[in-house]
Amino acid sequence: MNQSTDTGKGHRVVFQFVASDHPSQKALISNLKNLLDYWPETEIEVVFHGPGITMVTTADAPFPELLRAFVDGHTVRLVVCENTLRGHKLTTADLLPFVGTVPVAIAELILKQEEGWAYIKAGL
């Protein structure tokens, strides 16, 4: 299929995000934007865990509007590790309203790869 007709439909990508620094957060936003500009129908899941959850907590989220636009306008799912939530003494109420959870981030990443998803470690 040539590039001009490939919308990305059928491509599935899981991003792992574990960084809390602003440059890494901006890099993730850039990665998502560039991929969706090129393949707007790509199915994407971003798994946040460890310090990376600051990007999607209501107290710290630096780009909530951009993240919401990815979720609302594309096939993008944002999820947080429930182990990380407990470790930070947070609940789902502390997350942006469009962010879901998975029981264990590493298990989620393994399952996605076993299902054929491409894996990207995001950040710097």
PDB file of N, CA and C in Angstrom:
ATOM      1  N   MET A   1       0.852  -1.180   0.000  1.00  0.00           N
ATOM      2  CA  MET A   1       0.000   0.000   0.000  1.00  0.00           C
ATOM      3  C   MET A   1       0.897   1.241   0.000  1.00  0.00           C
ATOM      4  N   ASN A   2       0.580   2.200  -0.841  1.00  0.00           N
ATOM      5  CA  ASN A   2       1.444   3.377  -0.854  1.00  0.00           C
ATOM      6  C   ASN A   2       1.073   4.344   0.264  1.00  0.00           C
ATOM      7  N   GLN A   3       2.007   5.187   0.579  1.00  0.00           N
ATOM      8  CA  GLN A   3       1.897   6.096   1.710  1.00  0.00           C
ATOM      9  C   GLN A   3       0.677   7.006   1.617  1.00  0.00           C
ATOM     10  N   SER A   4       0.294   7.431   0.435  1.00  0.00           N
ATOM     11  CA  SER A   4      -0.806   8.384   0.306  1.00  0.00           C
ATOM     12  C   SER A   4      -2.165   7.768   0.624  1.00  0.00           C
ATOM     13  N   THR A   5      -2.280   6.443   0.565  1.00  0.00           N
ATOM     14  CA  THR A   5      -3.560   5.810   0.869  1.00  0.00           C
ATOM     15  C   THR A   5      -3.547   5.030   2.172  1.00  0.00           C
ATOM     16  N   ASP A   6      -2.407   4.908   2.811  1.00  0.00           N
ATOM     17  CA  ASP A   6      -2.307   4.161   4.066  1.00  0.00           C
ATOM     18  C   ASP A   6      -2.689   5.081   5.220  1.00  0.00           C
ATOM     19  N   THR A   7      -3.852   4.825   5.826  1.00  0.00           N
ATOM     20  CA  THR A   7      -4.339   5.649   6.937  1.00  0.00           C
ATOM     21  C   THR A   7      -3.860   5.121   8.288  1.00  0.00           C
ATOM     22  N   GLY A   8      -3.169   3.990   8.257  1.00  0.00           N
ATOM     23  CA  GLY A   8      -2.698   3.388   9.500  1.00  0.00           C
ATOM     24  C   GLY A   8      -3.658   2.358  10.061  1.00  0.00           C
ATOM     25  N   LYS A   9      -4.825   2.213   9.431  1.00  0.00           N
ATOM     26  CA  LYS A   9      -5.801   1.230   9.925  1.00  0.00           C
ATOM     27  C   LYS A   9      -5.143  -0.143   9.933  1.00  0.00           C
ATOM     28  N   GLY A  10      -5.261  -0.829  11.050  1.00  0.00           N
ATOM     29  CA  GLY A  10      -4.637  -2.134  11.197  1.00  0.00           C
ATOM     30  C   GLY A  10      -3.313  -2.092  11.940  1.00  0.00           C
ATOM     31  N   HIS A  11      -2.716  -0.908  12.017  1.00  0.00           N
ATOM     32  CA  HIS A  11      -1.483  -0.774  12.797  1.00  0.00           C
ATOM     33  C   HIS A  11      -1.870  -0.574  14.263  1.00  0.00           C
ATOM     34  N   ARG A  12      -1.150  -1.251  15.150  1.00  0.00           N
ATOM     35  CA  ARG A  12      -1.409  -1.140  16.587  1.00  0.00           C
ATOM     36  C   ARG A  12      -0.079  -0.916  17.288  1.00  0.00           C
ATOM     37  N   VAL A  13      -0.036   0.143  18.102  1.00  0.00           N
ATOM     38  CA  VAL A  13       1.203   0.539  18.769  1.00  0.00           C
ATOM     39  C   VAL A  13       0.937   0.767  20.243  1.00  0.00           C
ATOM     40  N   VAL A  14       1.795   0.176  21.092  1.00  0.00           N
ATOM     41  CA  VAL A  14       1.718   0.429  22.531  1.00  0.00           C
ATOM     42  C   VAL A  14       2.981   1.189  22.932  1.00  0.00           C
ATOM     43  N   PHE A  15       2.773   2.321  23.601  1.00  0.00           N
ATOM     44  CA  PHE A  15       3.866   3.142  24.107  1.00  0.00           C
ATOM     45  C   PHE A  15       3.982   2.904  25.610  1.00  0.00           C
ATOM     46  N   GLN A  16       5.200   2.755  26.087  1.00  0.00           N
ATOM     47  CA  GLN A  16       5.473   2.697  27.526  1.00  0.00           C
ATOM     48  C   GLN A  16       6.024   4.058  27.923  1.00  0.00           C
ATOM     49  N   PHE A  17       5.445   4.660  28.970  1.00  0.00           N
ATOM     50  CA  PHE A  17       5.932   5.975  29.395  1.00  0.00           C
ATOM     51  C   PHE A  17       6.176   5.973  30.899  1.00  0.00           C
ATOM     52  N   VAL A  18       7.428   6.242  31.284  1.00  0.00           N
ATOM     53  CA  VAL A  18       7.820   6.182  32.691  1.00  0.00           C
ATOM     54  C   VAL A  18       8.538   7.441  33.175  1.00  0.00           C
ATOM     55  N   ALA A  19       8.561   8.491  32.397  1.00  0.00           N
ATOM     56  CA  ALA A  19       9.341   9.686  32.744  1.00  0.00           C
ATOM     57  C   ALA A  19       8.446  10.806  33.269  1.00  0.00           C
ATOM     58  N   SER A  20       8.964  11.583  34.211  1.00  0.00           N
ATOM     59  CA  SER A  20       8.190  12.706  34.740  1.00  0.00           C
ATOM     60  C   SER A  20       8.714  14.059  34.270  1.00  0.00           C
ATOM     61  N   ASP A  21       9.816  14.055  33.534  1.00  0.00           N
ATOM     62  CA  ASP A  21      10.396  15.337  33.126  1.00  0.00           C
ATOM     63  C   ASP A  21       9.660  15.924  31.924  1.00  0.00           C
ATOM     64  N   HIS A  22       9.642  17.240  31.884  1.00  0.00           N
ATOM     65  CA  HIS A  22       8.910  17.973  30.845  1.00  0.00           C
ATOM     66  C   HIS A  22       9.414  17.647  29.426  1.00  0.00           C
ATOM     67  N   PRO A  23      10.725  17.584  29.163  1.00  0.00           N
ATOM     68  CA  PRO A  23      11.175  17.245  27.807  1.00  0.00           C
ATOM     69  C   PRO A  23      10.676  15.870  27.341  1.00  0.00           C
ATOM     70  N   SER A  24      10.648  14.886  28.227  1.00  0.00           N
ATOM     71  CA  SER A  24      10.139  13.561  27.846  1.00  0.00           C
ATOM     72  C   SER A  24       8.642  13.607  27.577  1.00  0.00           C
ATOM     73  N   GLN A  25       7.917  14.383  28.364  1.00  0.00           N
ATOM     74  CA  GLN A  25       6.480  14.522  28.145  1.00  0.00           C
ATOM     75  C   GLN A  25       6.212  15.175  26.790  1.00  0.00           C
ATOM     76  N   LYS A  26       6.986  16.213  26.478  1.00  0.00           N
ATOM     77  CA  LYS A  26       6.839  16.869  25.180  1.00  0.00           C
ATOM     78  C   LYS A  26       7.203  15.911  24.040  1.00  0.00           C
ATOM     79  N   ALA A  27       8.200  15.053  24.262  1.00  0.00           N
ATOM     80  CA  ALA A  27       8.591  14.084  23.237  1.00  0.00           C
ATOM     81  C   ALA A  27       7.466  13.080  22.982  1.00  0.00           C
ATOM     82  N   LEU A  28       6.786  12.639  24.043  1.00  0.00           N
ATOM     83  CA  LEU A  28       5.653  11.727  23.859  1.00  0.00           C
ATOM     84  C   LEU A  28       4.557  12.405  23.043  1.00  0.00           C
ATOM     85  N   ILE A  29       4.207  13.625  23.393  1.00  0.00           N
ATOM     86  CA  ILE A  29       3.186  14.369  22.642  1.00  0.00           C
ATOM     87  C   ILE A  29       3.595  14.457  21.167  1.00  0.00           C
ATOM     88  N   SER A  30       4.846  14.766  20.921  1.00  0.00           N
ATOM     89  CA  SER A  30       5.351  14.881  19.551  1.00  0.00           C
ATOM     90  C   SER A  30       5.267  13.540  18.824  1.00  0.00           C
ATOM     91  N   ASN A  31       5.666  12.448  19.499  1.00  0.00           N
ATOM     92  CA  ASN A  31       5.584  11.119  18.891  1.00  0.00           C
ATOM     93  C   ASN A  31       4.147  10.789  18.504  1.00  0.00           C
ATOM     94  N   LEU A  32       3.219  11.029  19.401  1.00  0.00           N
ATOM     95  CA  LEU A  32       1.814  10.734  19.126  1.00  0.00           C
ATOM     96  C   LEU A  32       1.291  11.585  17.973  1.00  0.00           C
ATOM     97  N   LYS A  33       1.589  12.879  18.014  1.00  0.00           N
ATOM     98  CA  LYS A  33       1.126  13.782  16.953  1.00  0.00           C
ATOM     99  C   LYS A  33       1.689  13.367  15.601  1.00  0.00           C
ATOM    100  N   ASN A  34       2.990  13.104  15.542  1.00  0.00           N
ATOM    101  CA  ASN A  34       3.605  12.735  14.270  1.00  0.00           C
ATOM    102  C   ASN A  34       3.033  11.432  13.724  1.00  0.00           C
ATOM    103  N   LEU A  35       2.851  10.442  14.586  1.00  0.00           N
ATOM    104  CA  LEU A  35       2.304   9.171  14.143  1.00  0.00           C
ATOM    105  C   LEU A  35       0.872   9.342  13.639  1.00  0.00           C
ATOM    106  N   LEU A  36       0.059  10.086  14.389  1.00  0.00           N
ATOM    107  CA  LEU A  36      -1.334  10.268  13.993  1.00  0.00           C
ATOM    108  C   LEU A  36      -1.492  11.185  12.785  1.00  0.00           C
ATOM    109  N   ASP A  37      -0.575  12.122  12.593  1.00  0.00           N
ATOM    110  CA  ASP A  37      -0.597  12.935  11.370  1.00  0.00           C
ATOM    111  C   ASP A  37      -0.330  12.058  10.152  1.00  0.00           C
ATOM    112  N   TYR A  38       0.561  11.093  10.294  1.00  0.00           N
ATOM    113  CA  TYR A  38       0.940  10.207   9.198  1.00  0.00           C
ATOM    114  C   TYR A  38      -0.073   9.082   8.999  1.00  0.00           C
ATOM    115  N   TRP A  39      -0.469   8.449  10.102  1.00  0.00           N
ATOM    116  CA  TRP A  39      -1.427   7.336  10.095  1.00  0.00           C
ATOM    117  C   TRP A  39      -2.557   7.650  11.080  1.00  0.00           C
ATOM    118  N   PRO A  40      -3.550   8.430  10.692  1.00  0.00           N
ATOM    119  CA  PRO A  40      -4.584   8.881  11.628  1.00  0.00           C
ATOM    120  C   PRO A  40      -5.457   7.768  12.216  1.00  0.00           C
ATOM    121  N   GLU A  41      -5.474   6.601  11.601  1.00  0.00           N
ATOM    122  CA  GLU A  41      -6.325   5.517  12.105  1.00  0.00           C
ATOM    123  C   GLU A  41      -5.550   4.449  12.876  1.00  0.00           C
ATOM    124  N   THR A  42      -4.305   4.740  13.225  1.00  0.00           N
ATOM    125  CA  THR A  42      -3.512   3.804  14.015  1.00  0.00           C
ATOM    126  C   THR A  42      -4.148   3.626  15.391  1.00  0.00           C
ATOM    127  N   GLU A  43      -4.231   2.388  15.850  1.00  0.00           N
ATOM    128  CA  GLU A  43      -4.712   2.117  17.201  1.00  0.00           C
ATOM    129  C   GLU A  43      -3.519   2.234  18.150  1.00  0.00           C
ATOM    130  N   ILE A  44      -3.660   3.089  19.159  1.00  0.00           N
ATOM    131  CA  ILE A  44      -2.550   3.388  20.072  1.00  0.00           C
ATOM    132  C   ILE A  44      -3.008   3.216  21.514  1.00  0.00           C
ATOM    133  N   GLU A  45      -2.130   2.638  22.319  1.00  0.00           N
ATOM    134  CA  GLU A  45      -2.332   2.628  23.765  1.00  0.00           C
ATOM    135  C   GLU A  45      -1.052   3.154  24.401  1.00  0.00           C
ATOM    136  N   VAL A  46      -1.191   4.088  25.328  1.00  0.00           N
ATOM    137  CA  VAL A  46      -0.052   4.586  26.090  1.00  0.00           C
ATOM    138  C   VAL A  46      -0.210   4.080  27.519  1.00  0.00           C
ATOM    139  N   VAL A  47       0.805   3.348  27.991  1.00  0.00           N
ATOM    140  CA  VAL A  47       0.798   2.790  29.337  1.00  0.00           C
ATOM    141  C   VAL A  47       1.728   3.643  30.201  1.00  0.00           C
ATOM    142  N   PHE A  48       1.136   4.330  31.179  1.00  0.00           N
ATOM    143  CA  PHE A  48       1.894   5.186  32.094  1.00  0.00           C
ATOM    144  C   PHE A  48       2.130   4.424  33.380  1.00  0.00           C
ATOM    145  N   HIS A  49       3.373   4.434  33.837  1.00  0.00           N
ATOM    146  CA  HIS A  49       3.653   3.860  35.152  1.00  0.00           C
ATOM    147  C   HIS A  49       4.892   4.504  35.735  1.00  0.00           C
ATOM    148  N   GLY A  50       5.159   4.176  37.003  1.00  0.00           N
ATOM    149  CA  GLY A  50       6.271   4.828  37.688  1.00  0.00           C
ATOM    150  C   GLY A  50       6.053   6.335  37.682  1.00  0.00           C
ATOM    151  N   PRO A  51       7.138   7.100  37.584  1.00  0.00           N
ATOM    152  CA  PRO A  51       7.018   8.563  37.616  1.00  0.00           C
ATOM    153  C   PRO A  51       6.240   9.134  36.427  1.00  0.00           C
ATOM    154  N   GLY A  52       6.041   8.328  35.394  1.00  0.00           N
ATOM    155  CA  GLY A  52       5.317   8.791  34.203  1.00  0.00           C
ATOM    156  C   GLY A  52       3.868   9.160  34.452  1.00  0.00           C
ATOM    157  N   ILE A  53       3.316   8.694  35.582  1.00  0.00           N
ATOM    158  CA  ILE A  53       1.895   8.983  35.821  1.00  0.00           C
ATOM    159  C   ILE A  53       1.622  10.464  36.061  1.00  0.00           C
ATOM    160  N   THR A  54       2.662  11.243  36.375  1.00  0.00           N
ATOM    161  CA  THR A  54       2.425  12.683  36.588  1.00  0.00           C
ATOM    162  C   THR A  54       1.858  13.350  35.341  1.00  0.00           C
ATOM    163  N   MET A  55       2.048  12.726  34.196  1.00  0.00           N
ATOM    164  CA  MET A  55       1.536  13.309  32.951  1.00  0.00           C
ATOM    165  C   MET A  55       0.015  13.221  32.862  1.00  0.00           C
ATOM    166  N   VAL A  56      -0.593  12.324  33.637  1.00  0.00           N
ATOM    167  CA  VAL A  56      -2.041  12.122  33.527  1.00  0.00           C
ATOM    168  C   VAL A  56      -2.783  12.267  34.856  1.00  0.00           C
ATOM    169  N   THR A  57      -2.110  12.804  35.878  1.00  0.00           N
ATOM    170  CA  THR A  57      -2.808  13.065  37.144  1.00  0.00           C
ATOM    171  C   THR A  57      -3.337  14.493  37.136  1.00  0.00           C
ATOM    172  N   THR A  58      -4.484  14.674  37.720  1.00  0.00           N
ATOM    173  CA  THR A  58      -5.129  15.990  37.679  1.00  0.00           C
ATOM    174  C   THR A  58      -4.273  17.073  38.318  1.00  0.00           C
ATOM    175  N   ALA A  59      -3.468  16.714  39.303  1.00  0.00           N
ATOM    176  CA  ALA A  59      -2.646  17.706  39.999  1.00  0.00           C
ATOM    177  C   ALA A  59      -1.457  18.166  39.167  1.00  0.00           C
ATOM    178  N   ASP A  60      -0.962  17.326  38.261  1.00  0.00           N
ATOM    179  CA  ASP A  60       0.295  17.621  37.578  1.00  0.00           C
ATOM    180  C   ASP A  60       0.227  17.701  36.059  1.00  0.00           C
ATOM    181  N   ALA A  61      -0.830  17.232  35.442  1.00  0.00           N
ATOM    182  CA  ALA A  61      -0.882  17.061  33.986  1.00  0.00           C
ATOM    183  C   ALA A  61      -0.535  18.351  33.234  1.00  0.00           C
ATOM    184  N   PRO A  62       0.569  18.331  32.459  1.00  0.00           N
ATOM    185  CA  PRO A  62       0.984  19.531  31.748  1.00  0.00           C
ATOM    186  C   PRO A  62       0.258  19.755  30.413  1.00  0.00           C
ATOM    187  N   PHE A  63      -0.334  18.695  29.853  1.00  0.00           N
ATOM    188  CA  PHE A  63      -0.950  18.800  28.526  1.00  0.00           C
ATOM    189  C   PHE A  63      -2.327  18.139  28.473  1.00  0.00           C
ATOM    190  N   PRO A  64      -3.221  18.428  29.414  1.00  0.00           N
ATOM    191  CA  PRO A  64      -4.493  17.694  29.427  1.00  0.00           C
ATOM    192  C   PRO A  64      -5.326  17.876  28.162  1.00  0.00           C
ATOM    193  N   GLU A  65      -5.320  19.078  27.586  1.00  0.00           N
ATOM    194  CA  GLU A  65      -6.137  19.318  26.388  1.00  0.00           C
ATOM    195  C   GLU A  65      -5.601  18.529  25.190  1.00  0.00           C
ATOM    196  N   LEU A  66      -4.290  18.483  25.044  1.00  0.00           N
ATOM    197  CA  LEU A  66      -3.700  17.717  23.940  1.00  0.00           C
ATOM    198  C   LEU A  66      -3.987  16.227  24.097  1.00  0.00           C
ATOM    199  N   LEU A  67      -3.850  15.722  25.319  1.00  0.00           N
ATOM    200  CA  LEU A  67      -4.130  14.304  25.550  1.00  0.00           C
ATOM    201  C   LEU A  67      -5.593  13.986  25.271  1.00  0.00           C
ATOM    202  N   ARG A  68      -6.489  14.857  25.717  1.00  0.00           N
ATOM    203  CA  ARG A  68      -7.916  14.639  25.451  1.00  0.00           C
ATOM    204  C   ARG A  68      -8.183  14.623  23.946  1.00  0.00           C
ATOM    205  N   ALA A  69      -7.540  15.500  23.204  1.00  0.00           N
ATOM    206  CA  ALA A  69      -7.742  15.539  21.753  1.00  0.00           C
ATOM    207  C   ALA A  69      -7.290  14.233  21.099  1.00  0.00           C
ATOM    208  N   PHE A  70      -6.206  13.645  21.594  1.00  0.00           N
ATOM    209  CA  PHE A  70      -5.767  12.352  21.054  1.00  0.00           C
ATOM    210  C   PHE A  70      -6.823  11.282  21.307  1.00  0.00           C
ATOM    211  N   VAL A  71      -7.372  11.276  22.511  1.00  0.00           N
ATOM    212  CA  VAL A  71      -8.366  10.263  22.880  1.00  0.00           C
ATOM    213  C   VAL A  71      -9.673  10.494  22.123  1.00  0.00           C
ATOM    214  N   ASP A  72     -10.131  11.742  22.090  1.00  0.00           N
ATOM    215  CA  ASP A  72     -11.418  12.049  21.460  1.00  0.00           C
ATOM    216  C   ASP A  72     -11.390  11.969  19.944  1.00  0.00           C
ATOM    217  N   GLY A  73     -10.249  12.303  19.339  1.00  0.00           N
ATOM    218  CA  GLY A  73     -10.196  12.398  17.889  1.00  0.00           C
ATOM    219  C   GLY A  73      -9.605  11.200  17.176  1.00  0.00           C
ATOM    220  N   HIS A  74      -9.123  10.225  17.924  1.00  0.00           N
ATOM    221  CA  HIS A  74      -8.430   9.086  17.315  1.00  0.00           C
ATOM    222  C   HIS A  74      -8.720   7.821  18.107  1.00  0.00           C
ATOM    223  N   THR A  75      -8.082   6.746  17.699  1.00  0.00           N
ATOM    224  CA  THR A  75      -8.218   5.479  18.434  1.00  0.00           C
ATOM    225  C   THR A  75      -7.042   5.354  19.399  1.00  0.00           C
ATOM    226  N   VAL A  76      -7.020   6.262  20.383  1.00  0.00           N
ATOM    227  CA  VAL A  76      -5.950   6.312  21.376  1.00  0.00           C
ATOM    228  C   VAL A  76      -6.557   6.020  22.744  1.00  0.00           C
ATOM    229  N   ARG A  77      -5.896   5.136  23.470  1.00  0.00           N
ATOM    230  CA  ARG A  77      -6.300   4.794  24.839  1.00  0.00           C
ATOM    231  C   ARG A  77      -5.124   5.101  25.757  1.00  0.00           C
ATOM    232  N   LEU A  78      -5.389   5.822  26.842  1.00  0.00           N
ATOM    233  CA  LEU A  78      -4.378   6.153  27.838  1.00  0.00           C
ATOM    234  C   LEU A  78      -4.711   5.378  29.108  1.00  0.00           C
ATOM    235  N   VAL A  79      -3.728   4.630  29.623  1.00  0.00           N
ATOM    236  CA  VAL A  79      -3.970   3.819  30.820  1.00  0.00           C
ATOM    237  C   VAL A  79      -2.820   3.972  31.809  1.00  0.00           C
ATOM    238  N   VAL A  80      -3.167   3.794  33.087  1.00  0.00           N
ATOM    239  CA  VAL A  80      -2.202   3.902  34.182  1.00  0.00           C
ATOM    240  C   VAL A  80      -2.175   2.571  34.920  1.00  0.00           C
ATOM    241  N   CYS A  81      -1.005   2.216  35.374  1.00  0.00           N
ATOM    242  CA  CYS A  81      -0.807   1.003  36.168  1.00  0.00           C
ATOM    243  C   CYS A  81      -1.437   1.173  37.554  1.00  0.00           C
ATOM    244  N   GLU A  82      -2.301   0.228  37.933  1.00  0.00           N
ATOM    245  CA  GLU A  82      -2.935   0.297  39.247  1.00  0.00           C
ATOM    246  C   GLU A  82      -1.919   0.112  40.381  1.00  0.00           C
ATOM    247  N   ASN A  83      -0.866  -0.663  40.146  1.00  0.00           N
ATOM    248  CA  ASN A  83       0.192  -0.793  41.154  1.00  0.00           C
ATOM    249  C   ASN A  83       0.855   0.557  41.408  1.00  0.00           C
ATOM    250  N   THR A  84       1.094   1.303  40.339  1.00  0.00           N
ATOM    251  CA  THR A  84       1.707   2.623  40.473  1.00  0.00           C
ATOM    252  C   THR A  84       0.779   3.563  41.233  1.00  0.00           C
ATOM    253  N   LEU A  85      -0.516   3.504  40.918  1.00  0.00           N
ATOM    254  CA  LEU A  85      -1.470   4.349  41.654  1.00  0.00           C
ATOM    255  C   LEU A  85      -1.378   4.075  43.152  1.00  0.00           C
ATOM    256  N   ARG A  86      -1.443   2.807  43.513  1.00  0.00           N
ATOM    257  CA  ARG A  86      -1.366   2.451  44.938  1.00  0.00           C
ATOM    258  C   ARG A  86      -0.039   2.910  45.540  1.00  0.00           C
ATOM    259  N   GLY A  87       1.040   2.719  44.806  1.00  0.00           N
ATOM    260  CA  GLY A  87       2.353   3.111  45.298  1.00  0.00           C
ATOM    261  C   GLY A  87       2.477   4.605  45.555  1.00  0.00           C
ATOM    262  N   HIS A  88       1.735   5.397  44.779  1.00  0.00           N
ATOM    263  CA  HIS A  88       1.739   6.849  44.956  1.00  0.00           C
ATOM    264  C   HIS A  88       0.579   7.331  45.833  1.00  0.00           C
ATOM    265  N   LYS A  89      -0.148   6.369  46.399  1.00  0.00           N
ATOM    266  CA  LYS A  89      -1.311   6.677  47.249  1.00  0.00           C
ATOM    267  C   LYS A  89      -2.332   7.539  46.511  1.00  0.00           C
ATOM    268  N   LEU A  90      -2.613   7.153  45.261  1.00  0.00           N
ATOM    269  CA  LEU A  90      -3.590   7.837  44.427  1.00  0.00           C
ATOM    270  C   LEU A  90      -4.713   6.869  44.079  1.00  0.00           C
ATOM    271  N   THR A  91      -5.829   7.440  43.602  1.00  0.00           N
ATOM    272  CA  THR A  91      -6.948   6.634  43.120  1.00  0.00           C
ATOM    273  C   THR A  91      -7.302   7.098  41.717  1.00  0.00           C
ATOM    274  N   THR A  92      -8.265   6.428  41.119  1.00  0.00           N
ATOM    275  CA  THR A  92      -8.694   6.829  39.776  1.00  0.00           C
ATOM    276  C   THR A  92      -9.266   8.245  39.777  1.00  0.00           C
ATOM    277  N   ALA A  93      -9.744   8.721  40.910  1.00  0.00           N
ATOM    278  CA  ALA A  93     -10.253  10.095  41.012  1.00  0.00           C
ATOM    279  C   ALA A  93      -9.138  11.122  40.798  1.00  0.00           C
ATOM    280  N   ASP A  94      -7.886  10.712  40.961  1.00  0.00           N
ATOM    281  CA  ASP A  94      -6.747  11.611  40.775  1.00  0.00           C
ATOM    282  C   ASP A  94      -6.280  11.674  39.320  1.00  0.00           C
ATOM    283  N   LEU A  95      -6.895  10.865  38.462  1.00  0.00           N
ATOM    284  CA  LEU A  95      -6.506  10.825  37.047  1.00  0.00           C
ATOM    285  C   LEU A  95      -7.398  11.733  36.215  1.00  0.00           C
ATOM    286  N   LEU A  96      -6.870  12.179  35.095  1.00  0.00           N
ATOM    287  CA  LEU A  96      -7.701  12.902  34.143  1.00  0.00           C
ATOM    288  C   LEU A  96      -8.883  11.999  33.786  1.00  0.00           C
ATOM    289  N   PRO A  97     -10.062  12.560  33.550  1.00  0.00           N
ATOM    290  CA  PRO A  97     -11.270  11.745  33.407  1.00  0.00           C
ATOM    291  C   PRO A  97     -11.293  10.782  32.213  1.00  0.00           C
ATOM    292  N   PHE A  98     -10.448  10.981  31.244  1.00  0.00           N
ATOM    293  CA  PHE A  98     -10.423  10.134  30.050  1.00  0.00           C
ATOM    294  C   PHE A  98      -9.304   9.091  30.100  1.00  0.00           C
ATOM    295  N   VAL A  99      -8.709   8.901  31.275  1.00  0.00           N
ATOM    296  CA  VAL A  99      -7.610   7.951  31.453  1.00  0.00           C
ATOM    297  C   VAL A  99      -8.130   6.718  32.186  1.00  0.00           C
ATOM    298  N   GLY A 100      -7.818   5.532  31.650  1.00  0.00           N
ATOM    299  CA  GLY A 100      -8.219   4.283  32.270  1.00  0.00           C
ATOM    300  C   GLY A 100      -7.079   3.675  33.067  1.00  0.00           C
ATOM    301  N   THR A 101      -7.285   2.445  33.526  1.00  0.00           N
ATOM    302  CA  THR A 101      -6.253   1.752  34.291  1.00  0.00           C
ATOM    303  C   THR A 101      -6.085   0.333  33.772  1.00  0.00           C
ATOM    304  N   VAL A 102      -4.937  -0.232  34.095  1.00  0.00           N
ATOM    305  CA  VAL A 102      -4.648  -1.649  33.885  1.00  0.00           C
ATOM    306  C   VAL A 102      -4.064  -2.160  35.194  1.00  0.00           C
ATOM    307  N   PRO A 103      -4.274  -3.442  35.517  1.00  0.00           N
ATOM    308  CA  PRO A 103      -3.794  -3.945  36.804  1.00  0.00           C
ATOM    309  C   PRO A 103      -2.277  -3.830  36.975  1.00  0.00           C
ATOM    310  N   VAL A 104      -1.506  -4.225  35.940  1.00  0.00           N
ATOM    311  CA  VAL A 104      -0.041  -4.252  36.025  1.00  0.00           C
ATOM    312  C   VAL A 104       0.522  -3.777  34.680  1.00  0.00           C
ATOM    313  N   ALA A 105       1.259  -2.685  34.694  1.00  0.00           N
ATOM    314  CA  ALA A 105       1.773  -2.105  33.447  1.00  0.00           C
ATOM    315  C   ALA A 105       2.622  -3.088  32.656  1.00  0.00           C
ATOM    316  N   ILE A 106       3.544  -3.747  33.304  1.00  0.00           N
ATOM    317  CA  ILE A 106       4.444  -4.654  32.593  1.00  0.00           C
ATOM    318  C   ILE A 106       3.657  -5.800  31.955  1.00  0.00           C
ATOM    319  N   ALA A 107       2.672  -6.330  32.669  1.00  0.00           N
ATOM    320  CA  ALA A 107       1.834  -7.392  32.101  1.00  0.00           C
ATOM    321  C   ALA A 107       1.066  -6.877  30.887  1.00  0.00           C
ATOM    322  N   GLU A 108       0.560  -5.658  30.957  1.00  0.00           N
ATOM    323  CA  GLU A 108      -0.160  -5.066  29.825  1.00  0.00           C
ATOM    324  C   GLU A 108       0.755  -4.948  28.607  1.00  0.00           C
ATOM    325  N   LEU A 109       1.986  -4.504  28.829  1.00  0.00           N
ATOM    326  CA  LEU A 109       2.941  -4.374  27.730  1.00  0.00           C
ATOM    327  C   LEU A 109       3.265  -5.738  27.123  1.00  0.00           C
ATOM    328  N   ILE A 110       3.410  -6.742  27.955  1.00  0.00           N
ATOM    329  CA  ILE A 110       3.681  -8.097  27.462  1.00  0.00           C
ATOM    330  C   ILE A 110       2.500  -8.607  26.636  1.00  0.00           C
ATOM    331  N   LEU A 111       1.292  -8.441  27.173  1.00  0.00           N
ATOM    332  CA  LEU A 111       0.107  -8.912  26.452  1.00  0.00           C
ATOM    333  C   LEU A 111      -0.032  -8.238  25.093  1.00  0.00           C
ATOM    334  N   LYS A 112       0.157  -6.938  25.049  1.00  0.00           N
ATOM    335  CA  LYS A 112       0.042  -6.216  23.775  1.00  0.00           C
ATOM    336  C   LYS A 112       1.067  -6.744  22.773  1.00  0.00           C
ATOM    337  N   GLN A 113       2.306  -6.962  23.225  1.00  0.00           N
ATOM    338  CA  GLN A 113       3.330  -7.458  22.308  1.00  0.00           C
ATOM    339  C   GLN A 113       2.996  -8.876  21.842  1.00  0.00           C
ATOM    340  N   GLU A 114       2.476  -9.695  22.732  1.00  0.00           N
ATOM    341  CA  GLU A 114       2.086 -11.047  22.341  1.00  0.00           C
ATOM    342  C   GLU A 114       0.931 -11.032  21.340  1.00  0.00           C
ATOM    343  N   GLU A 115       0.104  -9.976  21.375  1.00  0.00           N
ATOM    344  CA  GLU A 115      -0.994  -9.817  20.421  1.00  0.00           C
ATOM    345  C   GLU A 115      -0.533  -9.178  19.109  1.00  0.00           C
ATOM    346  N   GLY A 116       0.753  -8.871  19.006  1.00  0.00           N
ATOM    347  CA  GLY A 116       1.291  -8.322  17.767  1.00  0.00           C
ATOM    348  C   GLY A 116       1.411  -6.811  17.714  1.00  0.00           C
ATOM    349  N   TRP A 117       1.186  -6.133  18.812  1.00  0.00           N
ATOM    350  CA  TRP A 117       1.332  -4.683  18.834  1.00  0.00           C
ATOM    351  C   TRP A 117       2.810  -4.317  18.754  1.00  0.00           C
ATOM    352  N   ALA A 118       3.108  -3.236  18.032  1.00  0.00           N
ATOM    353  CA  ALA A 118       4.470  -2.697  18.020  1.00  0.00           C
ATOM    354  C   ALA A 118       4.699  -1.992  19.358  1.00  0.00           C
ATOM    355  N   TYR A 119       5.906  -2.121  19.903  1.00  0.00           N
ATOM    356  CA  TYR A 119       6.246  -1.560  21.205  1.00  0.00           C
ATOM    357  C   TYR A 119       7.208  -0.392  21.028  1.00  0.00           C
ATOM    358  N   ILE A 120       6.890   0.727  21.698  1.00  0.00           N
ATOM    359  CA  ILE A 120       7.757   1.900  21.687  1.00  0.00           C
ATOM    360  C   ILE A 120       7.957   2.356  23.126  1.00  0.00           C
ATOM    361  N   LYS A 121       9.204   2.520  23.531  1.00  0.00           N
ATOM    362  CA  LYS A 121       9.472   3.138  24.840  1.00  0.00           C
ATOM    363  C   LYS A 121       9.579   4.633  24.582  1.00  0.00           C
ATOM    364  N   ALA A 122       8.651   5.402  25.129  1.00  0.00           N
ATOM    365  CA  ALA A 122       8.580   6.825  24.863  1.00  0.00           C
ATOM    366  C   ALA A 122       9.400   7.604  25.877  1.00  0.00           C
ATOM    367  N   GLY A 123       9.691   8.832  25.537  1.00  0.00           N
ATOM    368  CA  GLY A 123      10.468   9.708  26.410  1.00  0.00           C
ATOM    369  C   GLY A 123      11.878   9.863  25.878  1.00  0.00           C
ATOM    370  N   LEU A 124      12.709  10.488  26.689  1.00  0.00           N
ATOM    371  CA  LEU A 124      14.086  10.747  26.256  1.00  0.00           C
ATOM    372  C   LEU A 124      15.061   9.901  27.045  1.00  0.00           C
TER     373      LEU A 124
END
